[in-house]
Amino acid sequence: MKFAFPQWRGFERAPEGHLLDQVVDLASPMGIAYERSLGFRKDFHAHDRPMIVLPRGSCVVRVKTAGARAAYEIDSSSLLIVPSGVEHDDEGLTSIFDTVALYPSASLLSQVAEDEAITAAQIRTVFGRGHKLRRSRWLEQLLHEYFFARVVSRRESPRTLAFFERQILVELLAVALRKPKGAEPGGAAASGENVTGRALRYIESNLFSKVPLDAIARHAFASSSTLLRQFRRDTGQSPHGYVKTRRLEEARLMIETGTHPVGHIAMLVGYENRGAFSTAFKKQFGRSPSSLRPRSDRSRTRY
């Protein structure tokens, strides 16, 4: 389904999916677009600034640039830089799309380069082509703090936000410029992924669909008995238990945002009966779904 979307230059095309949360600000030196939705796909489009794509949590995103033979596949351990003006499409590979995109302005990049003695050629090397990078621990920490400051609390001063933005760019440049030559630019899944990893990837990609054990085992390239044994060893629960827990976790996040009625959320996460959902929710969290509803709408901009 289509949902309303800001109509700003470089950000015109509406994605497909069921929007749960959204914060967009492209007027600042560091533009930001945070979106959380059930399903997500946006056809080919381009931006007038370079884009840094940063999936969160269990979200996996595939981005394909126009004319490219392969697509980039990124998760919460990686990031993708897409140059300004390059057409690309985006697709969430997991049921929940939970992604931040940052859009640094040319003036901000120039300012950081000047302060850090980074050449214009190095800036072009990093932001002038599409490439995938691993996040460093420090970059991940900066991104976490910045997300809380700009998206969650929305109370930090412009000076605090500017500090985080500059530090994020400095660390990103450091990571990119020390990237070994010949490193894999594409986004193929790691070949060393084990049975549990493949099972989790399939489950997260189909979280709100029926995921019978034999289908999970088939996509994990294992027998059902091997899957059950290794999955329980690695996660402490069965695949069925994991699916149930994850669905309830996602339901809790949706309830706390206050954007949908509880009955609607129950159906979104796979419960046809609201009573069964309430019982499972209270058993999981010790509270009823209605007790977590916000008392008033959050004071954040919505579009």
Protein backbone atom coordinates (compact mmCIF):
# COMPACT_ATOMS: atom_id res chain seq x y z
CA MET A 1 0.00 0.00 0.00
CA LYS A 2 1.07 3.59 -0.50
CA PHE A 3 1.35 6.06 2.34
CA ALA A 4 1.83 9.81 2.58
CA PHE A 5 5.39 10.96 2.13
CA PRO A 6 7.17 14.33 2.27
CA GLN A 7 7.42 16.00 -1.11
CA TRP A 8 10.88 17.54 -0.97
CA ARG A 9 13.41 17.84 -3.74
CA GLY A 10 15.44 14.65 -3.94
CA PHE A 11 12.87 12.81 -1.87
CA GLU A 12 9.81 12.66 -4.07
CA ARG A 13 8.99 9.01 -4.62
CA ALA A 14 6.60 7.34 -2.19
CA PRO A 15 7.60 3.85 -1.00
CA GLU A 16 5.35 0.84 -0.69
CA GLY A 17 4.66 -0.53 2.78
CA HIS A 18 2.71 0.11 5.96
CA LEU A 19 4.23 3.09 7.75
CA LEU A 20 4.65 2.79 11.53
CA ASP A 21 6.91 5.73 12.29
CA GLN A 22 8.68 8.45 10.34
CA VAL A 23 10.89 11.47 10.98
CA VAL A 24 12.23 13.43 8.01
CA ASP A 25 14.27 16.63 8.06
CA LEU A 26 16.21 17.60 4.96
CA ALA A 27 16.62 21.27 5.82
CA SER A 28 19.58 20.79 8.18
CA PRO A 29 23.26 20.49 7.20
CA MET A 30 22.87 16.81 8.11
CA GLY A 31 19.56 15.73 6.61
CA ILE A 32 17.87 12.69 8.13
CA ALA A 33 15.11 10.28 7.15
CA TYR A 34 14.08 7.68 9.71
CA GLU A 35 11.42 5.21 8.69
CA ARG A 36 9.96 2.18 10.37
CA SER A 37 7.35 0.20 8.47
CA LEU A 38 5.89 -3.21 7.78
CA GLY A 39 7.44 -3.96 4.42
CA PHE A 40 9.23 -1.35 2.34
CA ARG A 41 10.13 -0.82 -1.28
CA LYS A 42 10.92 2.36 -3.17
CA ASP A 43 11.43 2.33 -6.92
CA PHE A 44 14.36 4.04 -8.63
CA HIS A 45 14.93 7.61 -7.48
CA ALA A 46 17.84 9.94 -6.68
CA HIS A 47 18.78 12.51 -4.04
CA ASP A 48 20.53 15.84 -4.36
CA ARG A 49 22.91 14.93 -1.50
CA PRO A 50 24.96 11.79 -0.85
CA MET A 51 23.08 9.26 1.26
CA ILE A 52 24.38 7.09 4.12
CA VAL A 53 22.04 4.12 4.64
CA LEU A 54 22.03 2.70 8.18
CA PRO A 55 19.68 -0.21 8.99
CA ARG A 56 18.81 -0.72 12.67
CA GLY A 57 18.10 -3.79 14.77
CA SER A 58 17.35 -6.91 12.75
CA CYS A 59 16.52 -4.96 9.58
CA VAL A 60 18.23 -5.99 6.33
CA VAL A 61 18.04 -3.68 3.31
CA ARG A 62 18.89 -4.27 -0.34
CA VAL A 63 19.86 -1.28 -2.48
CA LYS A 64 20.46 -1.48 -6.22
CA THR A 65 21.91 1.39 -8.22
CA ALA A 66 20.83 2.02 -11.79
CA GLY A 67 22.87 -0.01 -14.27
CA ALA A 68 24.54 -2.13 -11.59
CA ARG A 69 24.55 -5.89 -12.03
CA ALA A 70 24.64 -6.63 -8.30
CA ALA A 71 22.78 -5.14 -5.35
CA TYR A 72 24.17 -4.09 -2.00
CA GLU A 73 22.76 -5.94 1.00
CA ILE A 74 23.31 -4.22 4.34
CA ASP A 75 22.32 -4.80 7.96
CA SER A 76 22.97 -3.21 11.34
CA SER A 77 26.68 -4.10 11.19
CA SER A 78 27.26 -2.23 7.93
CA LEU A 79 26.38 0.94 6.04
CA LEU A 80 26.07 2.00 2.43
CA ILE A 81 27.09 5.26 0.77
CA VAL A 82 25.11 6.26 -2.32
CA PRO A 83 26.46 9.34 -4.18
CA SER A 84 24.22 12.30 -4.91
CA GLY A 85 22.33 12.10 -8.19
CA VAL A 86 22.72 8.31 -8.50
CA GLU A 87 19.42 6.53 -9.14
CA HIS A 88 18.78 3.60 -6.84
CA ASP A 89 15.95 1.51 -5.47
CA ASP A 90 15.56 0.35 -1.87
CA GLU A 91 13.86 -2.75 -0.51
CA GLY A 92 13.50 -4.09 3.01
CA LEU A 93 14.31 -7.81 3.08
CA THR A 94 12.95 -8.28 6.60
CA SER A 95 9.33 -7.86 7.64
CA ILE A 96 10.19 -4.82 9.73
CA PHE A 97 11.96 -2.02 7.88
CA ASP A 98 13.80 0.09 10.47
CA THR A 99 16.37 2.34 8.82
CA VAL A 100 18.05 5.71 9.21
CA ALA A 101 19.43 7.55 6.17
CA LEU A 102 21.72 10.55 6.65
CA TYR A 103 22.24 13.22 4.00
CA PRO A 104 25.31 15.43 4.65
CA SER A 105 25.37 18.70 2.74
CA ALA A 106 28.36 19.69 0.60
CA SER A 107 29.13 22.56 2.99
CA LEU A 108 29.18 20.23 6.00
CA LEU A 109 31.51 17.80 4.24
CA SER A 110 33.81 20.65 3.21
CA GLN A 111 33.86 21.99 6.75
CA VAL A 112 34.75 18.61 8.24
CA ALA A 113 37.42 18.05 5.59
CA GLU A 114 39.02 21.41 6.31
CA ASP A 115 39.02 20.90 10.07
CA GLU A 116 40.43 17.36 9.82
CA ALA A 117 42.98 18.10 7.07
CA ILE A 118 41.21 15.75 4.64
CA THR A 119 41.65 16.52 0.95
CA ALA A 120 38.85 17.13 -1.52
CA ALA A 121 40.08 14.08 -3.43
CA GLN A 122 39.59 11.91 -0.36
CA ILE A 123 36.06 13.25 0.11
CA ARG A 124 35.30 12.37 -3.52
CA THR A 125 36.79 8.90 -2.97
CA VAL A 126 34.42 8.24 -0.08
CA PHE A 127 31.23 10.01 -1.22
CA GLY A 128 31.68 9.95 -4.98
CA ARG A 129 30.87 6.28 -5.49
CA GLY A 130 28.61 3.66 -4.00
CA HIS A 131 30.25 1.34 -1.53
CA LYS A 132 29.49 -0.73 1.51
CA LEU A 133 31.46 -0.41 4.76
CA ARG A 134 31.58 -2.20 8.09
CA ARG A 135 30.69 -0.03 11.07
CA SER A 136 33.37 0.44 13.69
CA ARG A 137 32.42 0.18 17.37
CA TRP A 138 32.94 3.90 17.84
CA LEU A 139 30.81 4.74 14.81
CA GLU A 140 28.05 2.47 16.10
CA GLN A 141 28.14 4.20 19.49
CA LEU A 142 28.00 7.64 17.88
CA LEU A 143 25.06 6.59 15.71
CA HIS A 144 23.22 5.21 18.74
CA GLU A 145 23.67 8.44 20.72
CA TYR A 146 22.77 10.58 17.72
CA PHE A 147 19.60 8.61 17.01
CA PHE A 148 18.45 9.03 20.60
CA ALA A 149 19.23 12.75 20.55
CA ARG A 150 17.62 13.58 17.21
CA VAL A 151 14.82 11.04 16.80
CA VAL A 152 13.84 9.81 20.27
CA SER A 153 14.27 12.71 22.69
CA ARG A 154 14.29 15.62 20.20
CA ARG A 155 15.46 17.84 23.06
CA GLU A 156 19.16 18.20 22.32
CA SER A 157 20.59 21.59 21.38
CA PRO A 158 21.75 22.29 17.81
CA ARG A 159 25.29 22.44 19.17
CA THR A 160 25.04 18.90 20.58
CA LEU A 161 23.60 17.56 17.33
CA ALA A 162 26.31 19.32 15.33
CA PHE A 163 28.96 17.69 17.52
CA PHE A 164 27.56 14.21 16.85
CA GLU A 165 27.21 14.90 13.14
CA ARG A 166 30.81 15.99 12.77
CA GLN A 167 32.09 13.04 14.80
CA ILE A 168 30.01 10.60 12.74
CA LEU A 169 31.49 11.97 9.52
CA VAL A 170 35.03 11.99 10.90
CA GLU A 171 34.78 8.34 11.97
CA LEU A 172 33.02 7.29 8.76
CA LEU A 173 35.82 8.90 6.72
CA ALA A 174 38.42 7.17 8.87
CA VAL A 175 36.73 3.80 8.33
CA ALA A 176 36.38 4.36 4.58
CA LEU A 177 39.91 5.62 4.00
CA ARG A 178 41.52 2.73 5.84
CA LYS A 179 39.37 0.15 4.02
CA PRO A 180 41.72 -2.47 2.49
CA LYS A 181 42.11 -2.35 -1.27
CA GLY A 182 40.21 -5.06 -3.06
CA ALA A 183 37.59 -5.34 -0.31
CA GLU A 184 34.30 -6.73 -1.54
CA PRO A 185 32.09 -3.80 -2.66
CA GLY A 186 28.88 -5.74 -3.05
CA GLY A 187 26.39 -7.00 -0.52
CA ALA A 188 26.35 -10.77 -0.78
CA ALA A 189 25.48 -12.60 2.42
CA ALA A 190 28.39 -13.98 4.36
CA SER A 191 29.21 -17.47 3.13
CA GLY A 192 30.13 -18.55 6.66
CA GLU A 193 26.60 -18.04 8.03
CA ASN A 194 25.58 -21.05 10.12
CA VAL A 195 22.27 -22.92 10.39
CA THR A 196 20.89 -20.61 13.06
CA GLY A 197 21.98 -17.52 11.15
CA ARG A 198 20.24 -18.68 7.97
CA ALA A 199 17.14 -19.59 9.98
CA LEU A 200 17.05 -16.17 11.66
CA ARG A 201 17.44 -14.43 8.33
CA TYR A 202 14.48 -16.35 6.90
CA ILE A 203 12.33 -15.80 10.00
CA GLU A 204 13.02 -12.06 10.11
CA SER A 205 12.22 -11.80 6.40
CA ASN A 206 8.85 -13.46 6.99
CA LEU A 207 8.13 -12.48 10.57
CA PHE A 208 4.41 -11.85 10.12
CA SER A 209 3.77 -14.69 7.68
CA LYS A 210 3.31 -18.37 8.42
CA VAL A 211 6.77 -19.86 9.04
CA PRO A 212 6.39 -23.63 9.53
CA LEU A 213 9.37 -25.53 10.86
CA ASP A 214 9.99 -27.43 7.62
CA ALA A 215 10.17 -24.16 5.65
CA ILE A 216 12.66 -22.69 8.12
CA ALA A 217 14.75 -25.86 7.97
CA ARG A 218 14.69 -25.84 4.19
CA HIS A 219 15.97 -22.27 4.03
CA ALA A 220 18.57 -23.04 6.71
CA PHE A 221 19.81 -26.02 4.62
CA ALA A 222 19.33 -28.40 7.53
CA SER A 223 17.00 -31.13 8.71
CA SER A 224 14.28 -30.16 11.17
CA SER A 225 16.01 -32.03 13.99
CA THR A 226 19.36 -30.33 13.29
CA LEU A 227 17.64 -26.94 13.12
CA LEU A 228 15.85 -27.48 16.44
CA ARG A 229 19.05 -28.59 18.17
CA GLN A 230 21.31 -25.81 16.87
CA PHE A 231 18.69 -23.07 17.10
CA ARG A 232 17.96 -23.86 20.73
CA ARG A 233 21.68 -24.07 21.50
CA ASP A 234 22.35 -20.65 19.93
CA THR A 235 19.25 -18.72 21.03
CA GLY A 236 17.94 -20.58 24.07
CA GLN A 237 14.54 -21.17 22.51
CA SER A 238 12.79 -23.01 19.69
CA PRO A 239 12.14 -21.35 16.31
CA HIS A 240 8.43 -21.17 17.20
CA GLY A 241 9.24 -19.53 20.53
CA TYR A 242 11.54 -17.05 18.83
CA VAL A 243 8.87 -16.07 16.28
CA LYS A 244 6.30 -15.55 19.04
CA THR A 245 8.69 -13.44 21.11
CA ARG A 246 9.75 -11.28 18.16
CA ARG A 247 6.17 -10.63 17.10
CA LEU A 248 5.27 -9.51 20.61
CA GLU A 249 8.38 -7.30 20.79
CA GLU A 250 7.36 -5.58 17.57
CA ALA A 251 3.81 -5.23 18.88
CA ARG A 252 5.11 -3.56 22.04
CA LEU A 253 7.10 -1.02 20.00
CA MET A 254 4.02 -0.19 17.93
CA ILE A 255 1.83 0.17 21.03
CA GLU A 256 4.34 2.51 22.67
CA THR A 257 4.40 4.80 19.63
CA GLY A 258 0.64 5.23 19.89
CA THR A 259 0.13 5.30 16.13
CA HIS A 260 -2.30 2.35 15.83
CA PRO A 261 -5.16 0.88 17.89
CA VAL A 262 -4.28 -2.25 19.87
CA GLY A 263 -6.69 -4.40 17.85
CA HIS A 264 -5.07 -3.26 14.61
CA ILE A 265 -1.60 -4.03 15.99
CA ALA A 266 -2.73 -7.51 17.04
CA MET A 267 -3.75 -8.26 13.45
CA LEU A 268 -0.57 -6.72 12.03
CA VAL A 269 1.60 -9.10 14.07
CA GLY A 270 -0.43 -12.18 13.21
CA TYR A 271 -3.11 -12.50 15.92
CA GLU A 272 -6.65 -12.80 14.57
CA ASN A 273 -8.08 -12.84 18.09
CA ARG A 274 -7.44 -9.79 20.27
CA GLY A 275 -8.05 -11.79 23.45
CA ALA A 276 -5.33 -14.30 22.52
CA PHE A 277 -2.99 -11.41 21.74
CA SER A 278 -3.66 -9.73 25.09
CA THR A 279 -3.08 -12.99 26.96
CA ALA A 280 0.21 -13.68 25.16
CA PHE A 281 1.33 -10.06 25.60
CA LYS A 282 0.66 -10.01 29.34
CA LYS A 283 2.43 -13.34 29.78
CA GLN A 284 5.47 -12.00 27.92
CA PHE A 285 5.72 -8.54 29.51
CA GLY A 286 3.67 -8.76 32.71
CA ARG A 287 1.42 -5.91 31.57
CA SER A 288 -1.63 -5.60 29.36
CA PRO A 289 -1.25 -3.99 25.93
CA SER A 290 -3.55 -1.07 26.85
CA SER A 291 -1.39 -0.20 29.88
CA LEU A 292 1.49 0.72 27.57
CA ARG A 293 -0.49 3.14 25.44
CA PRO A 294 0.95 6.68 25.71
CA ARG A 295 -1.22 9.08 27.67
CA SER A 296 -0.89 11.71 24.99
CA ASP A 297 0.57 11.98 21.52
CA ARG A 298 4.33 12.29 21.56
CA SER A 299 5.67 15.74 20.83
CA ARG A 300 7.46 14.83 17.63
CA THR A 301 6.87 15.87 14.07
CA ARG A 302 5.00 13.36 11.95
CA TYR A 303 4.35 13.45 8.25
